[in-house]
Amino acid sequence: MPRVNDRIVGPILLTNAAATLYTVPAATKIIIRGIHVVNQTGTAATLTFSIGADAAGTRVVSAITIPGNTDITKGIWDYFFPLPMVAAEIFQAYSGTTNVLNMTIEADVYTPG
């Protein structure tokens, strides 16, 4: 299977309701390599994301606080733990506050070749 490193999501502002940001295409596998989240406001916001429909049993991160962007060292959160996903699996995410957190996801995408 050929591999391509690709930005699969974003940058996208998250809403306050779980939304599917990515669905793995048929006959494809991915490994999420990095998730970058920026809080562009001065107020802290929470982040939740899951592999599968949002529920306690599918959450990878649950309501973690991303601090407000009050200086250069705040307002940025990065996740670099590999997350494999297979065909038809979905990635969902949301923020505790609409249009505060901006998310970008990078992954290795493996397709039939």
C-alpha atoms as a PDB file:
ATOM      1  CA  MET A   1       0.000   0.000   0.000  1.00  0.00           C
ATOM      2  CA  PRO A   2       1.502   3.356  -0.995  1.00  0.00           C
ATOM      3  CA  ARG A   3       1.764   5.907   1.819  1.00  0.00           C
ATOM      4  CA  VAL A   4       1.218   9.655   1.563  1.00  0.00           C
ATOM      5  CA  ASN A   5       1.641  12.141   4.399  1.00  0.00           C
ATOM      6  CA  ASP A   6      -1.355  14.467   4.180  1.00  0.00           C
ATOM      7  CA  ARG A   7      -3.326  17.131   6.013  1.00  0.00           C
ATOM      8  CA  ILE A   8      -6.686  15.413   6.411  1.00  0.00           C
ATOM      9  CA  VAL A   9      -8.534  18.074   8.444  1.00  0.00           C
ATOM     10  CA  GLY A  10      -8.419  21.811   8.706  1.00  0.00           C
ATOM     11  CA  PRO A  11      -7.607  24.255   9.737  1.00  0.00           C
ATOM     12  CA  ILE A  12     -11.210  24.259  10.925  1.00  0.00           C
ATOM     13  CA  LEU A  13     -13.015  26.037  13.757  1.00  0.00           C
ATOM     14  CA  LEU A  14     -14.764  23.578  16.057  1.00  0.00           C
ATOM     15  CA  THR A  15     -18.380  23.973  17.135  1.00  0.00           C
ATOM     16  CA  ASN A  16     -19.861  23.066  20.512  1.00  0.00           C
ATOM     17  CA  ALA A  17     -21.464  19.853  19.201  1.00  0.00           C
ATOM     18  CA  ALA A  18     -19.722  16.661  18.144  1.00  0.00           C
ATOM     19  CA  ALA A  19     -19.094  16.765  14.389  1.00  0.00           C
ATOM     20  CA  THR A  20     -17.515  14.268  12.036  1.00  0.00           C
ATOM     21  CA  LEU A  21     -14.361  15.896  10.701  1.00  0.00           C
ATOM     22  CA  TYR A  22     -12.993  12.903   8.790  1.00  0.00           C
ATOM     23  CA  THR A  23     -14.180   9.526   7.544  1.00  0.00           C
ATOM     24  CA  VAL A  24     -11.551   7.036   6.403  1.00  0.00           C
ATOM     25  CA  PRO A  25     -12.277   6.149   2.756  1.00  0.00           C
ATOM     26  CA  ALA A  26     -12.932   2.582   1.620  1.00  0.00           C
ATOM     27  CA  ALA A  27      -9.860   0.340   1.273  1.00  0.00           C
ATOM     28  CA  THR A  28      -7.769   2.922   3.147  1.00  0.00           C
ATOM     29  CA  LYS A  29      -5.957   2.970   6.473  1.00  0.00           C
ATOM     30  CA  ILE A  30      -4.535   6.040   8.165  1.00  0.00           C
ATOM     31  CA  ILE A  31      -2.293   6.805  11.095  1.00  0.00           C
ATOM     32  CA  ILE A  32      -2.908  10.215  12.588  1.00  0.00           C
ATOM     33  CA  ARG A  33       0.550  11.620  13.341  1.00  0.00           C
ATOM     34  CA  GLY A  34      -0.280  15.053  14.663  1.00  0.00           C
ATOM     35  CA  ILE A  35      -3.201  17.121  15.892  1.00  0.00           C
ATOM     36  CA  HIS A  36      -2.627  20.860  16.298  1.00  0.00           C
ATOM     37  CA  VAL A  37      -5.155  23.001  18.144  1.00  0.00           C
ATOM     38  CA  VAL A  38      -5.005  26.775  18.548  1.00  0.00           C
ATOM     39  CA  ASN A  39      -7.165  28.827  20.876  1.00  0.00           C
ATOM     40  CA  GLN A  40      -7.301  32.219  19.191  1.00  0.00           C
ATOM     41  CA  THR A  41      -9.151  33.952  22.023  1.00  0.00           C
ATOM     42  CA  GLY A  42      -8.172  35.158  25.469  1.00  0.00           C
ATOM     43  CA  THR A  43     -10.498  32.693  27.201  1.00  0.00           C
ATOM     44  CA  ALA A  44      -9.838  29.009  27.932  1.00  0.00           C
ATOM     45  CA  ALA A  45     -11.943  26.404  26.100  1.00  0.00           C
ATOM     46  CA  THR A  46     -12.336  22.647  26.377  1.00  0.00           C
ATOM     47  CA  LEU A  47     -11.549  20.103  23.652  1.00  0.00           C
ATOM     48  CA  THR A  48     -13.019  16.626  23.164  1.00  0.00           C
ATOM     49  CA  PHE A  49     -12.328  14.218  20.313  1.00  0.00           C
ATOM     50  CA  SER A  50     -13.122  10.593  19.563  1.00  0.00           C
ATOM     51  CA  ILE A  51     -12.565   7.834  17.069  1.00  0.00           C
ATOM     52  CA  GLY A  52     -16.116   6.738  16.365  1.00  0.00           C
ATOM     53  CA  ALA A  53     -19.357   8.452  17.301  1.00  0.00           C
ATOM     54  CA  ASP A  54     -18.792  10.607  20.371  1.00  0.00           C
ATOM     55  CA  ALA A  55     -19.387   8.648  23.582  1.00  0.00           C
ATOM     56  CA  ALA A  56     -17.455   7.999  26.776  1.00  0.00           C
ATOM     57  CA  GLY A  57     -16.087   4.729  25.348  1.00  0.00           C
ATOM     58  CA  THR A  58     -14.743   6.250  22.106  1.00  0.00           C
ATOM     59  CA  ARG A  59     -13.109   9.427  23.406  1.00  0.00           C
ATOM     60  CA  VAL A  60      -9.373   9.808  23.030  1.00  0.00           C
ATOM     61  CA  VAL A  61      -9.424  13.198  24.758  1.00  0.00           C
ATOM     62  CA  SER A  62     -12.299  14.329  26.966  1.00  0.00           C
ATOM     63  CA  ALA A  63     -12.878  17.971  27.896  1.00  0.00           C
ATOM     64  CA  ILE A  64      -9.252  19.000  28.303  1.00  0.00           C
ATOM     65  CA  THR A  65      -8.705  22.706  28.799  1.00  0.00           C
ATOM     66  CA  ILE A  66      -6.850  24.666  26.134  1.00  0.00           C
ATOM     67  CA  PRO A  67      -5.743  27.950  27.714  1.00  0.00           C
ATOM     68  CA  GLY A  68      -6.528  31.280  26.138  1.00  0.00           C
ATOM     69  CA  ASN A  69      -3.979  32.890  23.857  1.00  0.00           C
ATOM     70  CA  THR A  70      -2.804  35.464  26.379  1.00  0.00           C
ATOM     71  CA  ASP A  71       0.878  35.240  25.466  1.00  0.00           C
ATOM     72  CA  ILE A  72       3.119  33.336  23.068  1.00  0.00           C
ATOM     73  CA  THR A  73       3.351  30.236  25.277  1.00  0.00           C
ATOM     74  CA  LYS A  74      -0.393  29.716  25.635  1.00  0.00           C
ATOM     75  CA  GLY A  75      -3.275  28.873  23.384  1.00  0.00           C
ATOM     76  CA  ILE A  76      -1.518  26.046  21.527  1.00  0.00           C
ATOM     77  CA  TRP A  77      -1.968  22.298  22.116  1.00  0.00           C
ATOM     78  CA  ASP A  78      -0.276  19.544  20.108  1.00  0.00           C
ATOM     79  CA  TYR A  79      -0.931  15.784  20.150  1.00  0.00           C
ATOM     80  CA  PHE A  80       1.731  13.523  18.632  1.00  0.00           C
ATOM     81  CA  PHE A  81       0.673  10.026  19.702  1.00  0.00           C
ATOM     82  CA  PRO A  82      -0.059   7.783  16.674  1.00  0.00           C
ATOM     83  CA  LEU A  83      -3.758   6.986  16.220  1.00  0.00           C
ATOM     84  CA  PRO A  84      -4.463   4.279  13.609  1.00  0.00           C
ATOM     85  CA  MET A  85      -7.842   4.226  11.872  1.00  0.00           C
ATOM     86  CA  VAL A  86      -9.311   1.871   9.278  1.00  0.00           C
ATOM     87  CA  ALA A  87     -11.831   2.212   6.445  1.00  0.00           C
ATOM     88  CA  ALA A  88     -15.192   3.709   7.471  1.00  0.00           C
ATOM     89  CA  GLU A  89     -14.036   4.842  10.927  1.00  0.00           C
ATOM     90  CA  ILE A  90     -14.831   8.450  11.778  1.00  0.00           C
ATOM     91  CA  PHE A  91     -13.015  11.154  13.718  1.00  0.00           C
ATOM     92  CA  GLN A  92     -15.262  13.496  15.687  1.00  0.00           C
ATOM     93  CA  ALA A  93     -14.358  16.586  17.697  1.00  0.00           C
ATOM     94  CA  TYR A  94     -15.915  19.554  19.438  1.00  0.00           C
ATOM     95  CA  SER A  95     -15.123  22.465  21.714  1.00  0.00           C
ATOM     96  CA  GLY A  96     -16.919  23.618  24.827  1.00  0.00           C
ATOM     97  CA  THR A  97     -17.332  26.967  23.048  1.00  0.00           C
ATOM     98  CA  THR A  98     -18.181  27.427  19.363  1.00  0.00           C
ATOM     99  CA  ASN A  99     -15.605  29.042  17.041  1.00  0.00           C
ATOM    100  CA  VAL A 100     -12.809  29.293  19.617  1.00  0.00           C
ATOM    101  CA  LEU A 101     -10.588  26.268  18.883  1.00  0.00           C
ATOM    102  CA  ASN A 102      -9.013  25.810  15.463  1.00  0.00           C
ATOM    103  CA  MET A 103      -7.926  22.217  14.642  1.00  0.00           C
ATOM    104  CA  THR A 104      -5.592  20.786  12.008  1.00  0.00           C
ATOM    105  CA  ILE A 105      -4.829  17.057  11.614  1.00  0.00           C
ATOM    106  CA  GLU A 106      -1.941  15.452   9.722  1.00  0.00           C
ATOM    107  CA  ALA A 107      -1.810  11.722   8.947  1.00  0.00           C
ATOM    108  CA  ASP A 108      -0.100   9.016   6.971  1.00  0.00           C
ATOM    109  CA  VAL A 109      -2.659   7.733   4.453  1.00  0.00           C
ATOM    110  CA  TYR A 110      -2.255   4.196   3.121  1.00  0.00           C
ATOM    111  CA  THR A 111      -4.192   3.373  -0.040  1.00  0.00           C
ATOM    112  CA  PRO A 112      -4.295   0.304  -2.298  1.00  0.00           C
ATOM    113  CA  GLY A 113      -1.666   0.403  -4.921  1.00  0.00           C
END
